[in-house]
Protein backbone atom coordinates (compact mmCIF):
# COMPACT_ATOMS: atom_id res chain seq x y z
CA UNK A 1 11.13 -31.56 -18.11
CA UNK A 2 10.48 -28.81 -15.76
CA UNK A 3 10.84 -29.24 -12.00
CA UNK A 4 8.04 -29.14 -9.57
CA UNK A 5 9.62 -25.95 -8.13
CA UNK A 6 9.93 -24.29 -11.58
CA UNK A 7 6.20 -25.03 -12.46
CA UNK A 8 5.17 -23.74 -9.23
CA UNK A 9 7.12 -20.50 -9.77
CA UNK A 10 5.67 -19.91 -13.30
CA UNK A 11 2.13 -20.87 -11.89
CA UNK A 12 2.63 -18.20 -9.29
CA UNK A 13 3.83 -15.36 -11.89
CA UNK A 14 0.83 -16.27 -13.96
CA UNK A 15 -1.22 -15.65 -10.92
CA UNK A 16 0.32 -12.26 -10.22
CA UNK A 17 0.19 -11.23 -13.71
CA UNK A 18 -3.44 -11.80 -13.75
CA UNK A 19 -4.25 -9.93 -10.76
CA UNK A 20 -1.98 -7.03 -11.67
CA UNK A 21 -3.74 -7.13 -15.20
CA UNK A 22 -6.97 -6.84 -13.26
CA UNK A 23 -5.78 -4.15 -10.86
CA UNK A 24 -4.58 -1.95 -13.97
CA UNK A 25 -7.85 -2.30 -15.55
CA UNK A 26 -9.49 -1.20 -12.48
CA UNK A 27 -7.14 1.77 -12.17
CA UNK A 28 -7.93 2.75 -15.81
CA UNK A 29 -11.69 2.28 -15.38
CA UNK A 30 -11.57 4.41 -12.29
CA UNK A 31 -10.03 7.34 -14.07
CA UNK A 32 -12.05 7.33 -16.95
CA UNK A 33 -15.30 6.76 -15.09
CA UNK A 34 -14.98 8.64 -11.77
CA UNK A 35 -12.00 10.78 -11.78
CA UNK A 36 -12.68 12.37 -15.15
CA UNK A 37 -16.49 12.64 -14.50
CA UNK A 38 -15.99 14.37 -11.13
CA UNK A 39 -13.13 16.51 -12.29
CA UNK A 40 -10.99 15.06 -9.28
CA UNK A 41 -7.38 15.02 -8.82
CA UNK A 42 -5.64 11.83 -7.15
CA UNK A 43 -2.72 12.10 -5.42
CA UNK A 44 0.81 11.59 -6.52
CA UNK A 45 2.00 11.50 -10.12
CA UNK A 46 -1.44 10.22 -11.28
CA UNK A 47 -2.86 13.70 -10.06
CA UNK A 48 0.00 15.57 -11.89
CA UNK A 49 -0.67 13.97 -14.93
CA UNK A 50 -4.44 14.63 -14.59
CA UNK A 51 -3.88 18.48 -13.75
CA UNK A 52 -1.61 18.79 -16.71
CA UNK A 53 -4.07 17.24 -18.97
CA UNK A 54 -6.88 19.39 -17.67
CA UNK A 55 -4.59 22.77 -17.81
CA UNK A 56 -3.81 21.61 -21.45
CA UNK A 57 -7.22 21.09 -22.40
CA UNK A 58 -8.77 24.26 -20.62
CA UNK A 59 -6.40 26.75 -21.49
CA UNK A 60 -4.49 25.43 -24.92
CA UNK A 61 -7.39 23.55 -26.25
CA UNK A 62 -5.12 20.35 -26.59
CA UNK A 63 -5.79 16.96 -25.57
CA UNK A 64 -2.50 15.21 -24.08
CA UNK A 65 -3.03 11.38 -23.73
CA UNK A 66 -2.50 10.22 -20.45
CA UNK A 67 0.33 7.62 -21.11
CA UNK A 68 2.28 10.30 -22.99
CA UNK A 69 2.71 12.17 -19.42
CA UNK A 70 2.26 9.47 -16.88
CA UNK A 71 5.01 6.89 -18.60
CA UNK A 72 7.94 9.37 -18.58
CA UNK A 73 7.18 10.61 -14.99
CA UNK A 74 7.82 7.09 -13.75
CA UNK A 75 11.19 6.35 -15.43
CA UNK A 76 13.40 7.76 -12.85
CA UNK A 77 11.41 6.35 -9.72
CA UNK A 78 11.65 3.05 -11.81
CA UNK A 79 15.32 3.22 -11.97
CA UNK A 80 15.60 3.85 -8.22
CA UNK A 81 13.18 1.01 -7.60
CA UNK A 82 15.25 -1.28 -10.02
CA UNK A 83 18.61 -0.53 -8.33
CA UNK A 84 17.78 -0.34 -4.71
CA UNK A 85 14.39 -2.01 -3.92
CA UNK A 86 14.06 -5.06 -6.02
CA UNK A 87 14.16 -6.03 -9.74
CA UNK A 88 11.00 -8.17 -9.44
CA UNK A 89 8.88 -5.62 -7.65
CA UNK A 90 10.11 -2.68 -9.94
CA UNK A 91 9.36 -5.04 -13.08
CA UNK A 92 5.95 -6.00 -11.94
CA UNK A 93 5.10 -2.24 -10.87
CA UNK A 94 5.98 -0.88 -14.26
CA UNK A 95 3.83 -3.43 -15.80
CA UNK A 96 1.06 -1.94 -13.87
CA UNK A 97 2.27 1.59 -14.76
CA UNK A 98 2.62 0.72 -18.48
CA UNK A 99 -0.79 -1.24 -18.77
CA UNK A 100 -3.03 1.13 -16.54
CA UNK A 101 -1.59 4.06 -18.82
CA UNK A 102 -2.55 2.37 -22.27
CA UNK A 103 -5.76 1.31 -20.86
CA UNK A 104 -6.67 4.93 -19.73
CA UNK A 105 -6.23 6.19 -23.19
CA UNK A 106 -8.23 3.22 -24.59
CA UNK A 107 -11.28 2.92 -22.36
CA UNK A 108 -14.39 4.91 -23.15
CA UNK A 109 -15.68 7.46 -20.55
CA UNK A 110 -18.57 5.68 -18.99
CA UNK A 111 -20.56 7.82 -16.48
CA UNK A 112 -21.75 6.00 -13.49
CA UNK A 113 -23.08 9.07 -11.64
CA UNK A 114 -22.68 12.86 -11.64
CA UNK A 115 -22.91 13.19 -7.99
CA UNK A 116 -19.50 14.46 -6.94
CA UNK A 117 -19.68 13.45 -3.18
CA UNK A 118 -20.45 9.66 -4.53
CA UNK A 119 -17.71 9.86 -7.04
CA UNK A 120 -15.22 11.06 -4.36
CA UNK A 121 -16.10 8.29 -1.68
CA UNK A 122 -16.65 5.18 -4.18
CA UNK A 123 -13.76 6.40 -6.63
CA UNK A 124 -11.57 6.37 -3.51
CA UNK A 125 -12.64 3.12 -2.43
CA UNK A 126 -12.00 1.75 -5.73
CA UNK A 127 -8.55 3.27 -5.91
CA UNK A 128 -7.65 2.03 -2.74
CA UNK A 129 -8.77 -1.38 -3.71
CA UNK A 130 -6.68 -1.53 -6.86
CA UNK A 131 -3.58 -0.12 -4.98
CA UNK A 132 -3.86 -2.92 -2.23
CA UNK A 133 -4.48 -5.51 -5.17
CA UNK A 134 -1.00 -4.25 -6.44
CA UNK A 135 0.76 -4.42 -3.14
CA UNK A 136 -0.63 -7.78 -2.10
CA UNK A 137 1.01 -9.14 -5.41
CA UNK A 138 4.54 -7.61 -5.00
CA UNK A 139 3.86 -4.87 -6.85
CA UNK A 140 2.75 -1.11 -6.78
CA UNK A 141 1.03 1.78 -8.85
CA UNK A 142 4.34 3.48 -9.47
CA UNK A 143 5.26 7.08 -9.04
CA UNK A 144 5.73 8.10 -5.52
CA UNK A 145 5.11 4.49 -4.26
CA UNK A 146 8.64 3.96 -5.56
CA UNK A 147 10.06 7.00 -3.87
CA UNK A 148 8.05 6.36 -0.42
CA UNK A 149 9.11 2.56 -0.28
CA UNK A 150 13.05 3.36 -1.10
CA UNK A 151 13.18 6.00 1.65
CA UNK A 152 11.22 3.82 4.12
CA UNK A 153 12.96 0.68 3.66
CA UNK A 154 16.49 1.75 2.66
CA UNK A 155 16.99 5.06 4.52
CA UNK A 156 14.78 4.80 7.42
CA UNK A 157 13.04 8.13 6.35
CA UNK A 158 9.16 8.75 6.63
CA UNK A 159 8.38 10.46 3.44
CA UNK A 160 4.56 10.90 4.08
CA UNK A 161 4.87 14.61 5.19
CA UNK A 162 6.81 15.27 1.90
CA UNK A 163 4.37 13.46 -0.43
CA UNK A 164 1.55 14.98 1.48
CA UNK A 165 3.14 18.50 0.85
CA UNK A 166 3.44 17.71 -2.95
CA UNK A 167 -0.35 16.73 -2.93
CA UNK A 168 -1.33 19.94 -1.22
CA UNK A 169 0.55 21.90 -3.97
CA UNK A 170 -1.36 19.85 -6.69
CA UNK A 171 -4.76 20.48 -4.92
CA UNK A 172 -3.99 24.25 -4.36
CA UNK A 173 -3.03 24.53 -7.94
CA UNK A 174 -6.22 22.88 -9.02
CA UNK A 175 -8.27 24.89 -6.89
CA UNK A 176 -6.81 28.03 -8.11
CA UNK A 177 -7.33 27.17 -11.58
CA UNK A 178 -10.37 25.00 -11.64
CA UNK A 179 -12.23 25.75 -8.24
CA UNK A 180 -11.89 24.81 -4.87
CA UNK A 181 -14.76 22.78 -4.80
CA UNK A 182 -12.91 19.97 -6.99
CA UNK A 183 -9.98 20.34 -4.87
CA UNK A 184 -11.90 19.66 -1.70
CA UNK A 185 -13.72 16.75 -3.13
CA UNK A 186 -10.38 15.48 -4.07
CA UNK A 187 -9.40 15.33 -0.39
CA UNK A 188 -12.23 13.28 0.26
CA UNK A 189 -11.27 11.08 -2.45
CA UNK A 190 -7.76 10.52 -1.40
CA UNK A 191 -8.93 10.10 2.25
CA UNK A 192 -11.11 7.31 1.25
CA UNK A 193 -8.50 5.63 -0.87
CA UNK A 194 -5.86 5.70 2.07
CA UNK A 195 -8.36 4.35 4.56
CA UNK A 196 -9.29 1.32 2.10
CA UNK A 197 -5.39 0.64 1.54
CA UNK A 198 -4.47 0.65 5.24
CA UNK A 199 -7.52 -1.69 5.94
CA UNK A 200 -6.37 -4.16 3.22
CA UNK A 201 -2.63 -4.03 3.06
CA UNK A 202 -0.72 -4.17 6.27
CA UNK A 203 2.66 -5.05 5.53
CA UNK A 204 4.09 -1.59 6.94
CA UNK A 205 1.84 -1.58 10.01
CA UNK A 206 2.91 -3.24 13.37
CA UNK A 207 1.73 -4.55 16.30
CA UNK A 208 3.21 -5.28 19.87
CA UNK A 209 2.34 -8.39 21.71
CA UNK A 210 2.31 -8.96 25.52
CA UNK A 211 2.24 -12.53 26.12
CA UNK A 212 1.65 -13.99 29.58
CA UNK A 213 2.43 -17.77 29.31
CA UNK A 214 3.50 -20.76 31.25
CA UNK A 215 5.78 -21.89 28.39
CA UNK A 216 7.66 -18.79 27.13
CA UNK A 217 10.44 -20.71 25.33
CA UNK A 218 8.10 -22.74 23.18
CA UNK A 219 6.01 -19.53 22.39
CA UNK A 220 9.09 -17.59 21.46
CA UNK A 221 10.26 -20.31 19.25
CA UNK A 222 7.13 -20.48 17.32
CA UNK A 223 7.20 -16.54 16.94
CA UNK A 224 10.73 -16.79 15.70
CA UNK A 225 9.76 -19.54 13.23
CA UNK A 226 6.82 -17.75 11.92
CA UNK A 227 7.94 -14.30 11.58
CA UNK A 228 11.66 -13.98 12.08
CA UNK A 229 11.37 -11.54 14.87
CA UNK A 230 12.75 -11.73 18.04
CA UNK A 231 11.25 -11.37 21.59
CA UNK A 232 12.16 -10.13 25.09
CA UNK A 233 11.28 -12.08 28.29
CA UNK A 234 10.14 -10.31 31.25
CA UNK A 235 9.37 -11.38 34.62
CA UNK A 236 6.30 -10.20 36.48
CA UNK A 237 4.02 -10.89 39.60
CA UNK A 238 0.20 -11.96 39.23
CA UNK A 239 -1.46 -9.65 41.61
CA UNK A 240 -4.39 -12.03 42.14
CA UNK A 241 -2.48 -15.37 42.56
CA UNK A 242 0.65 -13.77 43.95
CA UNK A 243 2.50 -16.07 41.51
CA UNK A 244 5.55 -14.95 39.48
CA UNK A 245 4.66 -14.79 35.65
CA UNK A 246 6.62 -14.87 32.48
CA UNK A 247 5.76 -12.15 29.96
CA UNK A 248 6.94 -12.25 26.30
CA UNK A 249 7.13 -8.99 24.49
CA UNK A 250 7.46 -8.84 20.87
CA UNK A 251 6.46 -6.48 17.95
CA UNK A 252 5.44 -8.33 14.76
CA UNK A 253 3.81 -7.24 11.26
CA UNK A 254 0.07 -6.75 11.53
CA UNK A 255 -0.42 -9.28 8.76
CA UNK A 256 1.32 -11.95 11.16
CA UNK A 257 -0.80 -11.36 14.28
CA UNK A 258 -3.46 -13.90 13.58
CA UNK A 259 -1.24 -16.92 12.86
CA UNK A 260 1.00 -16.00 15.70
CA UNK A 261 -2.18 -15.79 18.09
CA UNK A 262 -3.34 -19.17 16.63
CA UNK A 263 0.12 -20.61 17.07
CA UNK A 264 0.47 -19.34 20.70
CA UNK A 265 -2.91 -20.87 21.71
CA UNK A 266 -2.13 -24.09 20.26
CA UNK A 267 1.00 -24.32 22.64
CA UNK A 268 -0.71 -22.79 25.47
CA UNK A 269 -4.40 -22.56 25.48
CA UNK A 270 -4.49 -20.48 28.80
CA UNK A 271 -1.88 -17.77 27.51
CA UNK A 272 -3.20 -14.30 27.95
CA UNK A 273 -2.33 -12.08 24.93
CA UNK A 274 -2.65 -8.25 24.63
CA UNK A 275 -2.33 -6.85 21.23
CA UNK A 276 -1.34 -3.09 21.03
CA UNK A 277 -1.17 -1.11 17.96
CA UNK A 278 2.46 0.13 17.42
CA UNK A 279 2.70 3.73 15.69
CA UNK A 280 6.31 3.77 15.49
CA UNK A 281 9.50 1.79 16.27
CA UNK A 282 13.21 2.77 16.10
CA UNK A 283 16.04 0.27 16.01
CA UNK A 284 16.67 -2.91 14.60
CA UNK A 285 13.56 -4.88 13.09
CA UNK A 286 13.29 -7.58 10.56
CA UNK A 287 11.61 -6.42 7.40
CA UNK A 288 10.81 -9.37 4.71
CA UNK A 289 12.90 -8.61 1.60
CA UNK A 290 11.14 -6.93 -1.48
CA UNK A 291 12.35 -8.89 -4.27
C-alpha cells in the first residue's frame, strides 16, 4: 500500500498537471483568438515563431504549423533547464511547451473582437495570467524563460536587457515587413502581460523589512523559521521617548511578507514594521531551490 506521503505527492502532481493543462489551453486560445486576429507579435520564442509563420504565409504562400517551429526552438533551452535549473521544473515546462503548441494547431480561430487596442490589452492580460499560472505551479512557458532563470539563479546575471533587445529586433523586423502599427500594438500587449505577471508572481521580487521591536531575538527566530533568511540587529534611539530601540533589518521574498508580518505581530503586537520595495541586492541571499 502507498504511504501517506506518496499519496500526497501524487495528488499534488495531479493538481499541478491540471493547472498546467489549463494554462496551456489558455496560451493556445490567446494565440489563436487574440494574437492571430490582431496580427500581434508576443515576446520571446513565441513572437519569433509567429513572425516566421507570417513571413512564410505572406511572402511564400505557405502555412507552417506553430508546433513545427516552436517545439524545436525550445530543445536547447530545455536541455539547459534540465541540467542546470531542475529536472522537475524542466519536465513540467516542456509539458506546457508541447501541449500549448499542439493545441495552438488544433484550436479553431475564434474572433472575440476586431479592435486591435482591446486585443492588445486583454490579450496581454490573458498572456500574463497564463504565464503566472505556470510559474506558480513550478513551470514556465519555455523559451526565453529557461534562459533568463538560468542566468538569474545560476550566474547572477540579469538577462532582461538582452531579452528586451531580442524582442526589439523581432518587433522592428515585424514593423518593416507588416507595418509599424502592429509592432506598436505588440508593445502594449507585452507591457500588459509583464504587469500582470509581476503582480501575480512575486518569487523574484524582494522587500526590505525594518522592524522596531522589544523582542528582537524572538522575531528573528520566526523570520529564520519562515523564510530561511537572516537579519541584522541594529541599535537606535527613539527620539520621542528618548529610549534605546532594537531594529531588525531583513530582506525577504515579496510573497513571504504577509506571513512574516502576521508572525511578528503575533509575537509583538506593538512592533513597528516598515516594508520597503527592494530593486536590487548584491551578496549572499537564500533562494528557494527550483526542483
